N, C-alpha and C. Protein backbone atom coordinates (compact mmCIF):
# COMPACT_ATOMS: atom_id res chain seq x y z
N MET A 1 0.84 -1.19 0.00
CA MET A 1 0.00 0.00 0.00
C MET A 1 0.88 1.24 0.00
N SER A 2 0.41 2.24 -0.67
CA SER A 2 1.19 3.47 -0.77
C SER A 2 0.96 4.34 0.46
N ASP A 3 1.88 5.27 0.65
CA ASP A 3 1.75 6.22 1.76
C ASP A 3 0.51 7.09 1.60
N GLU A 4 0.21 7.47 0.35
CA GLU A 4 -0.96 8.32 0.10
C GLU A 4 -2.24 7.59 0.52
N PHE A 5 -2.33 6.31 0.19
CA PHE A 5 -3.50 5.52 0.57
C PHE A 5 -3.60 5.43 2.08
N ASN A 6 -2.49 5.15 2.74
CA ASN A 6 -2.48 5.03 4.20
C ASN A 6 -2.89 6.34 4.86
N LYS A 7 -2.39 7.47 4.34
CA LYS A 7 -2.74 8.77 4.91
C LYS A 7 -4.22 9.06 4.73
N ALA A 8 -4.75 8.77 3.54
CA ALA A 8 -6.17 9.01 3.27
C ALA A 8 -7.03 8.11 4.14
N ASN A 9 -6.66 6.85 4.26
CA ASN A 9 -7.40 5.90 5.08
C ASN A 9 -7.37 6.32 6.54
N PHE A 10 -6.20 6.69 7.02
CA PHE A 10 -6.07 7.15 8.40
C PHE A 10 -6.93 8.38 8.65
N SER A 11 -6.91 9.30 7.69
CA SER A 11 -7.69 10.52 7.82
C SER A 11 -9.18 10.23 7.91
N LEU A 12 -9.67 9.31 7.07
CA LEU A 12 -11.09 8.95 7.10
C LEU A 12 -11.46 8.29 8.43
N ILE A 13 -10.62 7.37 8.89
CA ILE A 13 -10.88 6.70 10.17
C ILE A 13 -10.86 7.71 11.31
N TRP A 14 -9.89 8.61 11.29
CA TRP A 14 -9.76 9.63 12.33
C TRP A 14 -10.99 10.53 12.37
N ASP A 15 -11.44 10.98 11.20
CA ASP A 15 -12.63 11.83 11.12
C ASP A 15 -13.86 11.09 11.65
N GLU A 16 -13.98 9.82 11.29
CA GLU A 16 -15.12 9.03 11.74
C GLU A 16 -15.12 8.88 13.26
N LEU A 17 -13.95 8.59 13.82
CA LEU A 17 -13.84 8.48 15.28
C LEU A 17 -14.16 9.80 15.97
N ASN A 18 -13.65 10.89 15.43
CA ASN A 18 -13.93 12.20 16.01
C ASN A 18 -15.41 12.52 15.98
N ASN A 19 -16.07 12.22 14.86
CA ASN A 19 -17.50 12.47 14.74
C ASN A 19 -18.29 11.65 15.75
N GLU A 20 -17.92 10.37 15.91
CA GLU A 20 -18.59 9.50 16.88
C GLU A 20 -18.37 10.01 18.30
N ASN A 21 -17.14 10.40 18.62
CA ASN A 21 -16.83 10.90 19.96
C ASN A 21 -17.56 12.21 20.24
N GLU A 22 -17.62 13.07 19.24
CA GLU A 22 -18.30 14.35 19.42
C GLU A 22 -19.79 14.13 19.65
N GLN A 23 -20.39 13.23 18.88
CA GLN A 23 -21.81 12.94 19.04
C GLN A 23 -22.07 12.33 20.42
N GLN A 24 -21.21 11.41 20.84
CA GLN A 24 -21.38 10.77 22.15
C GLN A 24 -21.23 11.80 23.27
N ALA A 25 -20.26 12.69 23.14
CA ALA A 25 -20.05 13.72 24.16
C ALA A 25 -21.25 14.65 24.23
N THR A 26 -21.80 15.01 23.09
CA THR A 26 -22.97 15.88 23.06
C THR A 26 -24.16 15.20 23.73
N GLU A 27 -24.38 13.93 23.40
CA GLU A 27 -25.48 13.19 24.01
C GLU A 27 -25.30 13.08 25.52
N THR A 28 -24.08 12.84 25.97
CA THR A 28 -23.79 12.74 27.40
C THR A 28 -24.05 14.07 28.09
N MET A 29 -23.61 15.17 27.48
CA MET A 29 -23.83 16.48 28.08
C MET A 29 -25.32 16.78 28.18
N GLU A 30 -26.07 16.48 27.13
CA GLU A 30 -27.51 16.74 27.14
C GLU A 30 -28.18 15.91 28.22
N LEU A 31 -27.78 14.66 28.36
CA LEU A 31 -28.34 13.79 29.37
C LEU A 31 -28.01 14.32 30.76
N THR A 32 -26.76 14.70 30.96
CA THR A 32 -26.34 15.22 32.26
C THR A 32 -27.10 16.49 32.60
N LEU A 33 -27.27 17.38 31.64
CA LEU A 33 -28.00 18.62 31.87
C LEU A 33 -29.45 18.33 32.21
N SER A 34 -30.07 17.41 31.48
CA SER A 34 -31.47 17.10 31.76
C SER A 34 -31.62 16.46 33.15
N GLN A 35 -30.66 15.61 33.54
CA GLN A 35 -30.70 15.02 34.88
C GLN A 35 -30.56 16.10 35.94
N PHE A 36 -29.67 17.05 35.72
CA PHE A 36 -29.47 18.15 36.66
C PHE A 36 -30.74 18.98 36.77
N GLN A 37 -31.36 19.27 35.63
CA GLN A 37 -32.59 20.06 35.63
C GLN A 37 -33.70 19.34 36.38
N GLU A 38 -33.81 18.03 36.18
CA GLU A 38 -34.83 17.25 36.88
C GLU A 38 -34.57 17.23 38.38
N GLN A 39 -33.32 17.03 38.77
CA GLN A 39 -32.99 16.89 40.19
C GLN A 39 -33.14 18.21 40.94
N TYR A 40 -32.69 19.31 40.33
CA TYR A 40 -32.67 20.58 41.04
C TYR A 40 -33.73 21.56 40.55
N GLY A 41 -34.53 21.16 39.58
CA GLY A 41 -35.55 22.04 39.06
C GLY A 41 -34.97 23.29 38.44
N PHE A 42 -33.84 23.15 37.79
CA PHE A 42 -33.14 24.30 37.23
C PHE A 42 -33.71 24.65 35.86
N ASP A 43 -34.01 25.93 35.67
CA ASP A 43 -34.49 26.41 34.38
C ASP A 43 -33.55 27.50 33.89
N PRO A 44 -32.85 27.28 32.77
CA PRO A 44 -31.91 28.29 32.27
C PRO A 44 -32.55 29.65 32.03
N CYS A 45 -33.85 29.68 31.73
CA CYS A 45 -34.53 30.96 31.51
C CYS A 45 -34.51 31.81 32.77
N ILE A 46 -34.60 31.18 33.92
CA ILE A 46 -34.57 31.93 35.18
C ILE A 46 -33.22 32.60 35.36
N LEU A 47 -32.16 31.89 35.05
CA LEU A 47 -30.81 32.44 35.17
C LEU A 47 -30.67 33.65 34.26
N PHE A 48 -31.15 33.55 33.05
CA PHE A 48 -31.07 34.66 32.10
C PHE A 48 -31.88 35.85 32.60
N THR A 49 -33.06 35.59 33.16
CA THR A 49 -33.91 36.66 33.69
C THR A 49 -33.21 37.36 34.84
N ASN A 50 -32.61 36.60 35.76
CA ASN A 50 -31.90 37.19 36.89
C ASN A 50 -30.73 38.04 36.42
N GLU A 51 -30.04 37.59 35.39
CA GLU A 51 -28.92 38.35 34.85
C GLU A 51 -29.39 39.69 34.32
N ILE A 52 -30.52 39.70 33.65
CA ILE A 52 -31.07 40.95 33.13
C ILE A 52 -31.47 41.86 34.28
N GLU A 53 -32.10 41.31 35.32
CA GLU A 53 -32.52 42.12 36.46
C GLU A 53 -31.31 42.73 37.16
N LEU A 54 -30.25 41.96 37.34
CA LEU A 54 -29.05 42.49 37.98
C LEU A 54 -28.44 43.61 37.14
N THR A 55 -28.38 43.40 35.85
CA THR A 55 -27.83 44.42 34.97
C THR A 55 -28.66 45.69 35.05
N THR A 56 -29.96 45.55 35.02
CA THR A 56 -30.85 46.71 35.09
C THR A 56 -30.69 47.42 36.43
N GLU A 57 -30.60 46.64 37.51
CA GLU A 57 -30.45 47.23 38.84
C GLU A 57 -29.15 48.01 38.95
N ASN A 58 -28.07 47.43 38.46
CA ASN A 58 -26.78 48.11 38.52
C ASN A 58 -26.76 49.36 37.66
N GLU A 59 -27.44 49.33 36.54
CA GLU A 59 -27.45 50.48 35.65
C GLU A 59 -28.29 51.61 36.21
N THR A 60 -29.32 51.29 37.00
CA THR A 60 -30.18 52.34 37.53
C THR A 60 -29.57 53.02 38.75
N SER A 61 -28.74 52.31 39.48
CA SER A 61 -28.13 52.93 40.66
C SER A 61 -26.63 52.63 40.70
N PRO A 62 -25.87 53.18 39.77
CA PRO A 62 -24.44 52.85 39.70
C PRO A 62 -23.62 53.41 40.85
N SER A 63 -24.09 54.45 41.51
CA SER A 63 -23.27 55.07 42.55
C SER A 63 -23.55 54.51 43.94
N SER A 64 -24.44 53.53 44.06
CA SER A 64 -24.81 53.03 45.39
C SER A 64 -23.62 52.42 46.13
N ASN A 65 -22.74 51.72 45.44
CA ASN A 65 -21.58 51.15 46.11
C ASN A 65 -20.30 51.49 45.35
N PHE A 66 -20.32 52.52 44.59
CA PHE A 66 -19.15 52.91 43.81
C PHE A 66 -18.06 53.41 44.74
N GLY A 67 -16.88 52.86 44.63
CA GLY A 67 -15.75 53.31 45.43
C GLY A 67 -15.79 52.85 46.87
N SER A 68 -16.60 51.86 47.19
CA SER A 68 -16.70 51.43 48.58
C SER A 68 -15.40 50.79 49.07
N ASP A 69 -14.59 50.30 48.17
CA ASP A 69 -13.32 49.69 48.55
C ASP A 69 -12.20 50.72 48.70
N ALA A 70 -12.45 51.92 48.27
CA ALA A 70 -11.41 52.95 48.33
C ALA A 70 -11.23 53.41 49.77
N PRO A 71 -10.01 53.68 50.19
CA PRO A 71 -9.79 54.15 51.56
C PRO A 71 -10.39 55.54 51.75
N SER A 72 -10.82 55.80 52.96
CA SER A 72 -11.40 57.12 53.23
C SER A 72 -10.29 58.16 53.29
N SER A 73 -10.67 59.42 53.19
CA SER A 73 -9.67 60.49 53.17
C SER A 73 -8.96 60.64 54.52
N SER A 74 -9.56 60.09 55.58
CA SER A 74 -8.91 60.20 56.90
C SER A 74 -7.70 59.27 57.01
N ASN A 75 -7.54 58.36 56.08
CA ASN A 75 -6.41 57.43 56.10
C ASN A 75 -5.30 57.86 55.16
N ASP A 76 -5.26 59.12 54.80
CA ASP A 76 -4.24 59.59 53.87
C ASP A 76 -2.85 59.42 54.48
N ILE A 77 -1.89 59.09 53.64
CA ILE A 77 -0.50 58.95 54.10
C ILE A 77 0.10 60.35 54.19
N PRO A 78 0.67 60.68 55.34
CA PRO A 78 1.24 62.04 55.49
C PRO A 78 2.44 62.23 54.56
N GLN A 79 2.55 63.41 54.02
CA GLN A 79 3.68 63.75 53.16
C GLN A 79 4.90 64.03 54.02
N LEU A 80 6.06 63.57 53.62
CA LEU A 80 7.30 63.81 54.37
C LEU A 80 8.05 64.98 53.83
């Protein structure tokens, strides 16, 4: 057998294995996600809704905790 044939054959086998592994991984992830949703009653739509609410809340009151980590002016380092 020629090297070209071996390379082409290897490439086809490799692609087939990758496709099978990718499909199996996708099916496993979907199954795991559905099991998690059933067990914990998790709905991705709720997460998305909460993210929007947090974003809206932060945008409406951006100064409520702005700079809270900054030291107060009473802790200034004296100049030498």
